[in-house]
Amino acid sequence: MLITIAVILLILWFIGVLGAYTLGSFVHLLLVLAIIMVLIRIIRGENPVKNL
């Protein structure tokens, strides 16, 4: 029973390590794209935050 829990936790940890590397860069890419979109709206003179 204890070995099964340890194996499951090890597998979940490994998935988390892989996810941190792949999803971490993807999240940063999305943040950069969002900032660029807001800057483009500001430069065009539009309201960058609509419907709030």
PDB file of N, CA and C in Angstrom:
ATOM      1  N   MET A   1       0.829  -1.198   0.000  1.00  0.00           N
ATOM      2  CA  MET A   1       0.000   0.000   0.000  1.00  0.00           C
ATOM      3  C   MET A   1       0.872   1.260   0.000  1.00  0.00           C
ATOM      4  N   LEU A   2       1.860   1.268   0.876  1.00  0.00           N
ATOM      5  CA  LEU A   2       2.744   2.431   0.965  1.00  0.00           C
ATOM      6  C   LEU A   2       3.570   2.606  -0.304  1.00  0.00           C
ATOM      7  N   ILE A   3       3.970   1.496  -0.911  1.00  0.00           N
ATOM      8  CA  ILE A   3       4.751   1.559  -2.150  1.00  0.00           C
ATOM      9  C   ILE A   3       3.880   2.110  -3.281  1.00  0.00           C
ATOM     10  N   THR A   4       2.611   1.738  -3.315  1.00  0.00           N
ATOM     11  CA  THR A   4       1.697   2.235  -4.347  1.00  0.00           C
ATOM     12  C   THR A   4       1.534   3.744  -4.232  1.00  0.00           C
ATOM     13  N   ILE A   5       1.362   4.237  -3.027  1.00  0.00           N
ATOM     14  CA  ILE A   5       1.226   5.682  -2.824  1.00  0.00           C
ATOM     15  C   ILE A   5       2.514   6.391  -3.222  1.00  0.00           C
ATOM     16  N   ALA A   6       3.664   5.808  -2.887  1.00  0.00           N
ATOM     17  CA  ALA A   6       4.945   6.415  -3.246  1.00  0.00           C
ATOM     18  C   ALA A   6       5.127   6.462  -4.753  1.00  0.00           C
ATOM     19  N   VAL A   7       4.734   5.405  -5.446  1.00  0.00           N
ATOM     20  CA  VAL A   7       4.855   5.370  -6.907  1.00  0.00           C
ATOM     21  C   VAL A   7       3.925   6.397  -7.541  1.00  0.00           C
ATOM     22  N   ILE A   8       2.704   6.498  -7.045  1.00  0.00           N
ATOM     23  CA  ILE A   8       1.757   7.488  -7.580  1.00  0.00           C
ATOM     24  C   ILE A   8       2.289   8.901  -7.357  1.00  0.00           C
ATOM     25  N   LEU A   9       2.803   9.175  -6.173  1.00  0.00           N
ATOM     26  CA  LEU A   9       3.359  10.505  -5.895  1.00  0.00           C
ATOM     27  C   LEU A   9       4.576  10.792  -6.763  1.00  0.00           C
ATOM     28  N   LEU A  10       5.401   9.796  -7.001  1.00  0.00           N
ATOM     29  CA  LEU A  10       6.571   9.977  -7.858  1.00  0.00           C
ATOM     30  C   LEU A  10       6.152  10.288  -9.297  1.00  0.00           C
ATOM     31  N   ILE A  11       5.140   9.577  -9.793  1.00  0.00           N
ATOM     32  CA  ILE A  11       4.644   9.836 -11.153  1.00  0.00           C
ATOM     33  C   ILE A  11       4.041  11.239 -11.244  1.00  0.00           C
ATOM     34  N   LEU A  12       3.253  11.635 -10.249  1.00  0.00           N
ATOM     35  CA  LEU A  12       2.665  12.978 -10.258  1.00  0.00           C
ATOM     36  C   LEU A  12       3.741  14.054 -10.172  1.00  0.00           C
ATOM     37  N   TRP A  13       4.795  13.797  -9.382  1.00  0.00           N
ATOM     38  CA  TRP A  13       5.897  14.760  -9.294  1.00  0.00           C
ATOM     39  C   TRP A  13       6.583  14.892 -10.643  1.00  0.00           C
ATOM     40  N   PHE A  14       6.806  13.764 -11.331  1.00  0.00           N
ATOM     41  CA  PHE A  14       7.470  13.786 -12.634  1.00  0.00           C
ATOM     42  C   PHE A  14       6.636  14.543 -13.661  1.00  0.00           C
ATOM     43  N   ILE A  15       5.321  14.336 -13.639  1.00  0.00           N
ATOM     44  CA  ILE A  15       4.430  15.074 -14.543  1.00  0.00           C
ATOM     45  C   ILE A  15       4.481  16.565 -14.222  1.00  0.00           C
ATOM     46  N   GLY A  16       4.540  16.908 -12.941  1.00  0.00           N
ATOM     47  CA  GLY A  16       4.635  18.312 -12.553  1.00  0.00           C
ATOM     48  C   GLY A  16       5.927  18.955 -13.008  1.00  0.00           C
ATOM     49  N   VAL A  17       7.026  18.214 -12.935  1.00  0.00           N
ATOM     50  CA  VAL A  17       8.314  18.749 -13.390  1.00  0.00           C
ATOM     51  C   VAL A  17       8.279  18.998 -14.893  1.00  0.00           C
ATOM     52  N   LEU A  18       7.761  18.050 -15.640  1.00  0.00           N
ATOM     53  CA  LEU A  18       7.665  18.237 -17.087  1.00  0.00           C
ATOM     54  C   LEU A  18       6.710  19.373 -17.436  1.00  0.00           C
ATOM     55  N   GLY A  19       5.608  19.466 -16.728  1.00  0.00           N
ATOM     56  CA  GLY A  19       4.632  20.519 -16.994  1.00  0.00           C
ATOM     57  C   GLY A  19       5.165  21.894 -16.663  1.00  0.00           C
ATOM     58  N   ALA A  20       6.018  21.990 -15.650  1.00  0.00           N
ATOM     59  CA  ALA A  20       6.561  23.291 -15.270  1.00  0.00           C
ATOM     60  C   ALA A  20       7.448  23.854 -16.381  1.00  0.00           C
ATOM     61  N   TYR A  21       8.202  22.985 -17.034  1.00  0.00           N
ATOM     62  CA  TYR A  21       9.080  23.462 -18.104  1.00  0.00           C
ATOM     63  C   TYR A  21       8.294  23.819 -19.359  1.00  0.00           C
ATOM     64  N   THR A  22       7.338  22.996 -19.736  1.00  0.00           N
ATOM     65  CA  THR A  22       6.621  23.253 -20.983  1.00  0.00           C
ATOM     66  C   THR A  22       5.553  24.322 -20.814  1.00  0.00           C
ATOM     67  N   LEU A  23       4.760  24.254 -19.765  1.00  0.00           N
ATOM     68  CA  LEU A  23       3.679  25.217 -19.579  1.00  0.00           C
ATOM     69  C   LEU A  23       4.197  26.558 -19.068  1.00  0.00           C
ATOM     70  N   GLY A  24       5.304  26.544 -18.358  1.00  0.00           N
ATOM     71  CA  GLY A  24       5.858  27.790 -17.839  1.00  0.00           C
ATOM     72  C   GLY A  24       6.231  28.754 -18.946  1.00  0.00           C
ATOM     73  N   SER A  25       6.886  28.238 -19.976  1.00  0.00           N
ATOM     74  CA  SER A  25       7.263  29.104 -21.086  1.00  0.00           C
ATOM     75  C   SER A  25       6.037  29.529 -21.884  1.00  0.00           C
ATOM     76  N   PHE A  26       5.041  28.665 -21.977  1.00  0.00           N
ATOM     77  CA  PHE A  26       3.816  29.000 -22.708  1.00  0.00           C
ATOM     78  C   PHE A  26       3.064  30.117 -22.003  1.00  0.00           C
ATOM     79  N   VAL A  27       3.004  30.080 -20.671  1.00  0.00           N
ATOM     80  CA  VAL A  27       2.334  31.128 -19.913  1.00  0.00           C
ATOM     81  C   VAL A  27       3.063  32.453 -20.092  1.00  0.00           C
ATOM     82  N   HIS A  28       4.388  32.422 -20.075  1.00  0.00           N
ATOM     83  CA  HIS A  28       5.141  33.652 -20.284  1.00  0.00           C
ATOM     84  C   HIS A  28       4.902  34.215 -21.687  1.00  0.00           C
ATOM     85  N   LEU A  29       4.809  33.342 -22.658  1.00  0.00           N
ATOM     86  CA  LEU A  29       4.522  33.789 -24.020  1.00  0.00           C
ATOM     87  C   LEU A  29       3.151  34.454 -24.095  1.00  0.00           C
ATOM     88  N   LEU A  30       2.149  33.883 -23.430  1.00  0.00           N
ATOM     89  CA  LEU A  30       0.817  34.480 -23.420  1.00  0.00           C
ATOM     90  C   LEU A  30       0.817  35.837 -22.713  1.00  0.00           C
ATOM     91  N   LEU A  31       1.584  35.969 -21.633  1.00  0.00           N
ATOM     92  CA  LEU A  31       1.669  37.253 -20.933  1.00  0.00           C
ATOM     93  C   LEU A  31       2.294  38.320 -21.824  1.00  0.00           C
ATOM     94  N   VAL A  32       3.349  37.965 -22.541  1.00  0.00           N
ATOM     95  CA  VAL A  32       3.995  38.923 -23.447  1.00  0.00           C
ATOM     96  C   VAL A  32       3.030  39.325 -24.548  1.00  0.00           C
ATOM     97  N   LEU A  33       2.294  38.376 -25.105  1.00  0.00           N
ATOM     98  CA  LEU A  33       1.324  38.707 -26.156  1.00  0.00           C
ATOM     99  C   LEU A  33       0.216  39.616 -25.626  1.00  0.00           C
ATOM    100  N   ALA A  34      -0.231  39.383 -24.404  1.00  0.00           N
ATOM    101  CA  ALA A  34      -1.273  40.230 -23.824  1.00  0.00           C
ATOM    102  C   ALA A  34      -0.765  41.647 -23.624  1.00  0.00           C
ATOM    103  N   ILE A  35       0.459  41.805 -23.165  1.00  0.00           N
ATOM    104  CA  ILE A  35       1.029  43.146 -22.978  1.00  0.00           C
ATOM    105  C   ILE A  35       1.168  43.859 -24.317  1.00  0.00           C
ATOM    106  N   ILE A  36       1.596  43.130 -25.342  1.00  0.00           N
ATOM    107  CA  ILE A  36       1.723  43.737 -26.676  1.00  0.00           C
ATOM    108  C   ILE A  36       0.366  44.187 -27.186  1.00  0.00           C
ATOM    109  N   MET A  37      -0.671  43.379 -26.980  1.00  0.00           N
ATOM    110  CA  MET A  37      -2.012  43.754 -27.441  1.00  0.00           C
ATOM    111  C   MET A  37      -2.517  45.011 -26.727  1.00  0.00           C
ATOM    112  N   VAL A  38      -2.269  45.107 -25.424  1.00  0.00           N
ATOM    113  CA  VAL A  38      -2.687  46.288 -24.673  1.00  0.00           C
ATOM    114  C   VAL A  38      -1.929  47.518 -25.164  1.00  0.00           C
ATOM    115  N   LEU A  39      -0.632  47.387 -25.405  1.00  0.00           N
ATOM    116  CA  LEU A  39       0.154  48.523 -25.906  1.00  0.00           C
ATOM    117  C   LEU A  39      -0.326  48.969 -27.285  1.00  0.00           C
ATOM    118  N   ILE A  40      -0.684  48.040 -28.141  1.00  0.00           N
ATOM    119  CA  ILE A  40      -1.200  48.401 -29.468  1.00  0.00           C
ATOM    120  C   ILE A  40      -2.504  49.172 -29.333  1.00  0.00           C
ATOM    121  N   ARG A  41      -3.381  48.749 -28.419  1.00  0.00           N
ATOM    122  CA  ARG A  41      -4.644  49.478 -28.217  1.00  0.00           C
ATOM    123  C   ARG A  41      -4.399  50.874 -27.676  1.00  0.00           C
ATOM    124  N   ILE A  42      -3.424  51.014 -26.778  1.00  0.00           N
ATOM    125  CA  ILE A  42      -3.107  52.341 -26.225  1.00  0.00           C
ATOM    126  C   ILE A  42      -2.546  53.242 -27.316  1.00  0.00           C
ATOM    127  N   ILE A  43      -1.666  52.708 -28.148  1.00  0.00           N
ATOM    128  CA  ILE A  43      -1.063  53.509 -29.226  1.00  0.00           C
ATOM    129  C   ILE A  43      -2.129  53.948 -30.222  1.00  0.00           C
ATOM    130  N   ARG A  44      -3.102  53.097 -30.511  1.00  0.00           N
ATOM    131  CA  ARG A  44      -4.180  53.460 -31.435  1.00  0.00           C
ATOM    132  C   ARG A  44      -5.159  54.458 -30.826  1.00  0.00           C
ATOM    133  N   GLY A  45      -5.104  54.631 -29.521  1.00  0.00           N
ATOM    134  CA  GLY A  45      -5.984  55.584 -28.868  1.00  0.00           C
ATOM    135  C   GLY A  45      -7.267  54.957 -28.356  1.00  0.00           C
ATOM    136  N   GLU A  46      -7.352  53.650 -28.364  1.00  0.00           N
ATOM    137  CA  GLU A  46      -8.548  52.972 -27.876  1.00  0.00           C
ATOM    138  C   GLU A  46      -8.421  52.727 -26.376  1.00  0.00           C
ATOM    139  N   ASN A  47      -9.546  52.430 -25.755  1.00  0.00           N
ATOM    140  CA  ASN A  47      -9.546  52.102 -24.341  1.00  0.00           C
ATOM    141  C   ASN A  47      -8.983  50.682 -24.180  1.00  0.00           C
ATOM    142  N   PRO A  48      -7.848  50.510 -23.488  1.00  0.00           N
ATOM    143  CA  PRO A  48      -7.247  49.186 -23.380  1.00  0.00           C
ATOM    144  C   PRO A  48      -8.052  48.228 -22.503  1.00  0.00           C
ATOM    145  N   VAL A  49      -8.851  48.795 -21.569  1.00  0.00           N
ATOM    146  CA  VAL A  49      -9.674  47.961 -20.694  1.00  0.00           C
ATOM    147  C   VAL A  49     -11.129  48.283 -21.011  1.00  0.00           C
ATOM    148  N   LYS A  50     -11.766  47.395 -21.764  1.00  0.00           N
ATOM    149  CA  LYS A  50     -13.125  47.638 -22.222  1.00  0.00           C
ATOM    150  C   LYS A  50     -14.107  46.888 -21.351  1.00  0.00           C
ATOM    151  N   ASN A  51     -15.278  47.455 -21.170  1.00  0.00           N
ATOM    152  CA  ASN A  51     -16.394  46.806 -20.468  1.00  0.00           C
ATOM    153  C   ASN A  51     -16.106  46.496 -19.002  1.00  0.00           C
ATOM    154  N   LEU A  52     -15.417  47.362 -18.333  1.00  0.00           N
ATOM    155  CA  LEU A  52     -15.205  47.153 -16.895  1.00  0.00           C
ATOM    156  C   LEU A  52     -16.030  48.120 -16.097  1.00  0.00           C
TER     157      LEU A  52
END
